[in-house]
C-alpha cells in the first residue's frame, strides 16, 4: 500500500482500474485532505479523497 507522505505534487499514480479513456495513470496536481488528479491521456481533472485515492492506487511513479 502507498503511504500518503510518499506522494508529492507532480508524481504519477497508477490505479487498479482504467479510466473510460483507457488510461490508468493520473498526475497529482494538489495534495491536501483531497487529491486533485489529472488523467495523463485525456486531461480530465478530478478531486478525490486522500483515503480513496490511496486505496485505488497500485503504484506510485516518482517524478524527479
N, C-alpha and C. Protein backbone atom coordinates (compact mmCIF):
# COMPACT_ATOMS: atom_id res chain seq x y z
N UNK A 1 0.84 -1.19 0.00
CA UNK A 1 0.00 0.00 0.00
C UNK A 1 0.88 1.25 0.00
N UNK A 2 0.42 2.26 -0.67
CA UNK A 2 1.15 3.52 -0.78
C UNK A 2 0.85 4.40 0.44
N UNK A 3 1.86 5.00 1.00
CA UNK A 3 1.71 5.88 2.16
C UNK A 3 1.52 7.31 1.67
N UNK A 4 0.61 8.04 2.31
CA UNK A 4 0.27 9.40 1.88
C UNK A 4 1.46 10.34 1.91
N UNK A 5 2.39 10.13 2.82
CA UNK A 5 3.54 11.03 2.92
C UNK A 5 4.54 10.83 1.79
N UNK A 6 4.44 9.73 1.06
CA UNK A 6 5.33 9.47 -0.08
C UNK A 6 4.91 10.22 -1.34
N UNK A 7 3.64 10.61 -1.42
CA UNK A 7 3.09 11.24 -2.62
C UNK A 7 3.43 12.73 -2.61
N UNK A 8 3.94 13.23 -3.73
CA UNK A 8 4.26 14.65 -3.89
C UNK A 8 3.60 15.18 -5.16
N UNK A 9 3.47 16.49 -5.25
CA UNK A 9 2.91 17.12 -6.44
C UNK A 9 3.81 16.80 -7.63
N UNK A 10 3.22 16.39 -8.73
CA UNK A 10 3.97 16.04 -9.93
C UNK A 10 4.18 14.55 -10.10
N UNK A 11 3.93 13.77 -9.05
CA UNK A 11 4.07 12.32 -9.14
C UNK A 11 2.92 11.73 -9.96
N UNK A 12 3.09 10.50 -10.41
CA UNK A 12 2.07 9.79 -11.18
C UNK A 12 1.56 8.63 -10.34
N UNK A 13 0.23 8.55 -10.18
CA UNK A 13 -0.40 7.42 -9.50
C UNK A 13 -0.96 6.48 -10.55
N UNK A 14 -0.67 5.21 -10.42
CA UNK A 14 -1.20 4.20 -11.34
C UNK A 14 -2.32 3.48 -10.60
N UNK A 15 -3.55 3.58 -11.11
CA UNK A 15 -4.72 2.99 -10.46
C UNK A 15 -4.93 1.56 -10.91
N UNK A 16 -5.70 0.81 -10.13
CA UNK A 16 -6.00 -0.59 -10.44
C UNK A 16 -6.93 -0.71 -11.65
N UNK A 17 -7.92 0.19 -11.73
CA UNK A 17 -8.88 0.15 -12.83
C UNK A 17 -8.61 1.27 -13.82
N UNK A 18 -8.98 1.05 -15.07
CA UNK A 18 -8.77 2.05 -16.11
C UNK A 18 -9.86 3.11 -16.11
N UNK A 19 -9.49 4.30 -16.52
CA UNK A 19 -10.41 5.40 -16.79
C UNK A 19 -11.12 5.06 -18.10
N UNK A 20 -12.33 5.55 -18.34
CA UNK A 20 -13.01 5.24 -19.61
C UNK A 20 -12.21 5.56 -20.87
N UNK A 21 -11.25 6.47 -20.80
CA UNK A 21 -10.43 6.78 -21.97
C UNK A 21 -9.38 5.70 -22.23
N UNK A 22 -9.18 4.79 -21.28
CA UNK A 22 -8.24 3.69 -21.46
C UNK A 22 -6.97 3.81 -20.63
N UNK A 23 -6.73 4.95 -20.04
CA UNK A 23 -5.52 5.16 -19.24
C UNK A 23 -5.79 4.78 -17.78
N UNK A 24 -4.75 4.40 -17.06
CA UNK A 24 -4.89 4.17 -15.63
C UNK A 24 -3.84 4.96 -14.84
N UNK A 25 -3.27 6.00 -15.45
CA UNK A 25 -2.27 6.82 -14.79
C UNK A 25 -2.81 8.24 -14.61
N UNK A 26 -2.55 8.79 -13.41
CA UNK A 26 -3.04 10.11 -13.05
C UNK A 26 -1.90 10.93 -12.46
N UNK A 27 -1.79 12.18 -12.87
CA UNK A 27 -0.77 13.10 -12.35
C UNK A 27 -1.35 13.85 -11.15
N UNK A 28 -0.58 13.92 -10.06
CA UNK A 28 -1.02 14.61 -8.86
C UNK A 28 -0.78 16.11 -9.03
N UNK A 29 -1.85 16.90 -8.94
CA UNK A 29 -1.75 18.36 -9.10
C UNK A 29 -1.80 19.09 -7.76
N UNK A 30 -2.54 18.52 -6.78
CA UNK A 30 -2.68 19.18 -5.48
C UNK A 30 -2.83 18.11 -4.41
N UNK A 31 -2.25 18.37 -3.25
CA UNK A 31 -2.33 17.45 -2.13
C UNK A 31 -2.91 18.20 -0.94
N UNK A 32 -3.81 17.57 -0.25
CA UNK A 32 -4.42 18.11 0.97
C UNK A 32 -5.30 17.03 1.54
N UNK A 33 -6.46 17.41 2.05
CA UNK A 33 -7.42 16.41 2.51
C UNK A 33 -7.95 15.64 1.30
N UNK A 34 -7.95 16.31 0.15
CA UNK A 34 -8.31 15.69 -1.12
C UNK A 34 -7.11 15.76 -2.06
N UNK A 35 -7.07 14.87 -3.02
CA UNK A 35 -6.07 14.94 -4.09
C UNK A 35 -6.75 15.47 -5.33
N UNK A 36 -6.08 16.37 -6.05
CA UNK A 36 -6.54 16.79 -7.36
C UNK A 36 -5.67 16.06 -8.37
N UNK A 37 -6.30 15.28 -9.23
CA UNK A 37 -5.58 14.44 -10.18
C UNK A 37 -5.99 14.79 -11.60
N UNK A 38 -5.04 14.62 -12.53
CA UNK A 38 -5.30 14.85 -13.95
C UNK A 38 -4.95 13.58 -14.71
N UNK A 39 -5.88 13.10 -15.54
CA UNK A 39 -5.63 11.93 -16.36
C UNK A 39 -4.52 12.26 -17.34
N UNK A 40 -3.54 11.37 -17.47
CA UNK A 40 -2.39 11.64 -18.33
C UNK A 40 -2.73 11.48 -19.81
N UNK A 41 -3.86 10.85 -20.14
CA UNK A 41 -4.24 10.66 -21.54
C UNK A 41 -5.21 11.74 -22.03
N UNK A 42 -6.34 11.89 -21.34
CA UNK A 42 -7.38 12.80 -21.84
C UNK A 42 -7.40 14.16 -21.15
N UNK A 43 -6.67 14.31 -20.03
CA UNK A 43 -6.59 15.61 -19.37
C UNK A 43 -7.72 15.90 -18.41
N UNK A 44 -8.62 14.96 -18.17
CA UNK A 44 -9.73 15.15 -17.25
C UNK A 44 -9.19 15.34 -15.84
N UNK A 45 -9.75 16.31 -15.10
CA UNK A 45 -9.31 16.56 -13.73
C UNK A 45 -10.40 16.13 -12.76
N UNK A 46 -9.97 15.48 -11.67
CA UNK A 46 -10.91 15.04 -10.65
C UNK A 46 -10.37 15.41 -9.28
N UNK A 47 -11.28 15.55 -8.33
CA UNK A 47 -10.94 15.69 -6.92
C UNK A 47 -11.39 14.41 -6.24
N UNK A 48 -10.50 13.77 -5.50
CA UNK A 48 -10.80 12.50 -4.85
C UNK A 48 -10.18 12.53 -3.46
N UNK A 49 -10.88 11.95 -2.49
CA UNK A 49 -10.35 11.97 -1.13
C UNK A 49 -9.03 11.23 -1.07
N UNK A 50 -8.19 11.62 -0.14
CA UNK A 50 -6.87 11.02 0.00
C UNK A 50 -6.97 9.53 0.26
N UNK A 51 -7.87 9.14 1.17
CA UNK A 51 -8.03 7.73 1.51
C UNK A 51 -8.47 6.91 0.30
N UNK A 52 -9.43 7.42 -0.46
CA UNK A 52 -9.93 6.72 -1.64
C UNK A 52 -8.85 6.60 -2.72
N UNK A 53 -8.10 7.66 -2.92
CA UNK A 53 -7.04 7.65 -3.94
C UNK A 53 -5.96 6.63 -3.59
N UNK A 54 -5.55 6.59 -2.34
CA UNK A 54 -4.51 5.65 -1.94
C UNK A 54 -5.01 4.21 -1.97
N UNK A 55 -6.30 4.02 -1.74
CA UNK A 55 -6.88 2.68 -1.79
C UNK A 55 -6.95 2.17 -3.23
N UNK A 56 -7.23 3.07 -4.19
CA UNK A 56 -7.37 2.70 -5.60
C UNK A 56 -6.02 2.57 -6.31
N UNK A 57 -4.98 3.18 -5.76
CA UNK A 57 -3.67 3.19 -6.41
C UNK A 57 -2.94 1.87 -6.20
N UNK A 58 -2.26 1.41 -7.25
CA UNK A 58 -1.46 0.19 -7.11
C UNK A 58 0.03 0.48 -7.25
N UNK A 59 0.39 1.66 -7.78
CA UNK A 59 1.80 2.01 -7.92
C UNK A 59 1.97 3.52 -7.88
N UNK A 60 3.13 3.94 -7.43
CA UNK A 60 3.50 5.35 -7.40
C UNK A 60 4.74 5.53 -8.24
N UNK A 61 4.66 6.38 -9.25
CA UNK A 61 5.80 6.66 -10.13
C UNK A 61 6.31 8.05 -9.75
N UNK A 62 7.51 8.10 -9.19
CA UNK A 62 8.09 9.37 -8.75
C UNK A 62 8.53 10.20 -9.95
N UNK A 63 8.27 11.51 -9.88
CA UNK A 63 8.70 12.43 -10.92
C UNK A 63 9.83 13.27 -10.34
N UNK A 64 11.03 13.00 -10.71
CA UNK A 64 12.19 13.69 -10.14
C UNK A 64 12.49 14.96 -10.88
